[in-house]
Amino acid sequence: MVRKMLTLALIGGTLAVAACNTVRGAGQDLQSAANATEDAIN
């Protein structure tokens, strides 16, 4: 039982870290696109 709980906790932690990196990457992509648009206007 302890082994199953530990496995679930590790899987959950891994998914949380992966999701955080994905959101951070998406934010950087949006910022880059906004900067490119702003540079094109100026």
C-alpha atoms as a PDB file:
ATOM      1  CA  MET A   1       0.000   0.000   0.000  1.00  0.00           C
ATOM      2  CA  VAL A   2       2.821   2.390   0.870  1.00  0.00           C
ATOM      3  CA  ARG A   3       4.538   1.562  -2.403  1.00  0.00           C
ATOM      4  CA  LYS A   4       1.394   2.448  -4.391  1.00  0.00           C
ATOM      5  CA  MET A   5       1.003   5.754  -2.551  1.00  0.00           C
ATOM      6  CA  LEU A   6       4.662   6.629  -3.148  1.00  0.00           C
ATOM      7  CA  THR A   7       4.328   5.778  -6.842  1.00  0.00           C
ATOM      8  CA  LEU A   8       1.220   7.945  -7.180  1.00  0.00           C
ATOM      9  CA  ALA A   9       2.959  10.824  -5.383  1.00  0.00           C
ATOM     10  CA  LEU A  10       5.980  10.602  -7.688  1.00  0.00           C
ATOM     11  CA  ILE A  11       3.806  10.482 -10.802  1.00  0.00           C
ATOM     12  CA  GLY A  12       1.763  13.439  -9.565  1.00  0.00           C
ATOM     13  CA  GLY A  13       4.909  15.435  -8.816  1.00  0.00           C
ATOM     14  CA  THR A  14       6.339  14.692 -12.230  1.00  0.00           C
ATOM     15  CA  LEU A  15       3.140  15.821 -13.953  1.00  0.00           C
ATOM     16  CA  ALA A  16       3.053  19.008 -11.875  1.00  0.00           C
ATOM     17  CA  VAL A  17       6.634  19.900 -12.847  1.00  0.00           C
ATOM     18  CA  ALA A  18       5.958  19.144 -16.519  1.00  0.00           C
ATOM     19  CA  ALA A  19       2.817  21.299 -16.488  1.00  0.00           C
ATOM     20  CA  CYS A  20       4.694  24.164 -14.860  1.00  0.00           C
ATOM     21  CA  ASN A  21       7.383  24.064 -17.530  1.00  0.00           C
ATOM     22  CA  THR A  22       4.753  23.943 -20.274  1.00  0.00           C
ATOM     23  CA  VAL A  23       2.936  26.995 -18.928  1.00  0.00           C
ATOM     24  CA  ARG A  24       6.221  28.869 -18.533  1.00  0.00           C
ATOM     25  CA  GLY A  25       7.178  28.044 -22.120  1.00  0.00           C
ATOM     26  CA  ALA A  26       3.795  29.157 -23.415  1.00  0.00           C
ATOM     27  CA  GLY A  27       4.169  32.445 -21.543  1.00  0.00           C
ATOM     28  CA  GLN A  28       7.585  33.016 -23.072  1.00  0.00           C
ATOM     29  CA  ASP A  29       6.202  32.282 -26.553  1.00  0.00           C
ATOM     30  CA  LEU A  30       3.393  34.809 -26.088  1.00  0.00           C
ATOM     31  CA  GLN A  31       5.808  37.421 -24.802  1.00  0.00           C
ATOM     32  CA  SER A  32       8.104  36.841 -27.767  1.00  0.00           C
ATOM     33  CA  ALA A  33       5.202  37.196 -30.210  1.00  0.00           C
ATOM     34  CA  ALA A  34       4.062  40.399 -28.491  1.00  0.00           C
ATOM     35  CA  ASN A  35       7.569  41.838 -28.694  1.00  0.00           C
ATOM     36  CA  ALA A  36       7.826  40.973 -32.385  1.00  0.00           C
ATOM     37  CA  THR A  37       4.468  42.635 -33.089  1.00  0.00           C
ATOM     38  CA  GLU A  38       5.463  45.719 -31.128  1.00  0.00           C
ATOM     39  CA  ASP A  39       8.791  45.941 -32.992  1.00  0.00           C
ATOM     40  CA  ALA A  40       7.004  45.644 -36.336  1.00  0.00           C
ATOM     41  CA  ILE A  41       4.646  48.517 -35.460  1.00  0.00           C
ATOM     42  CA  ASN A  42       7.462  50.818 -34.374  1.00  0.00           C
END
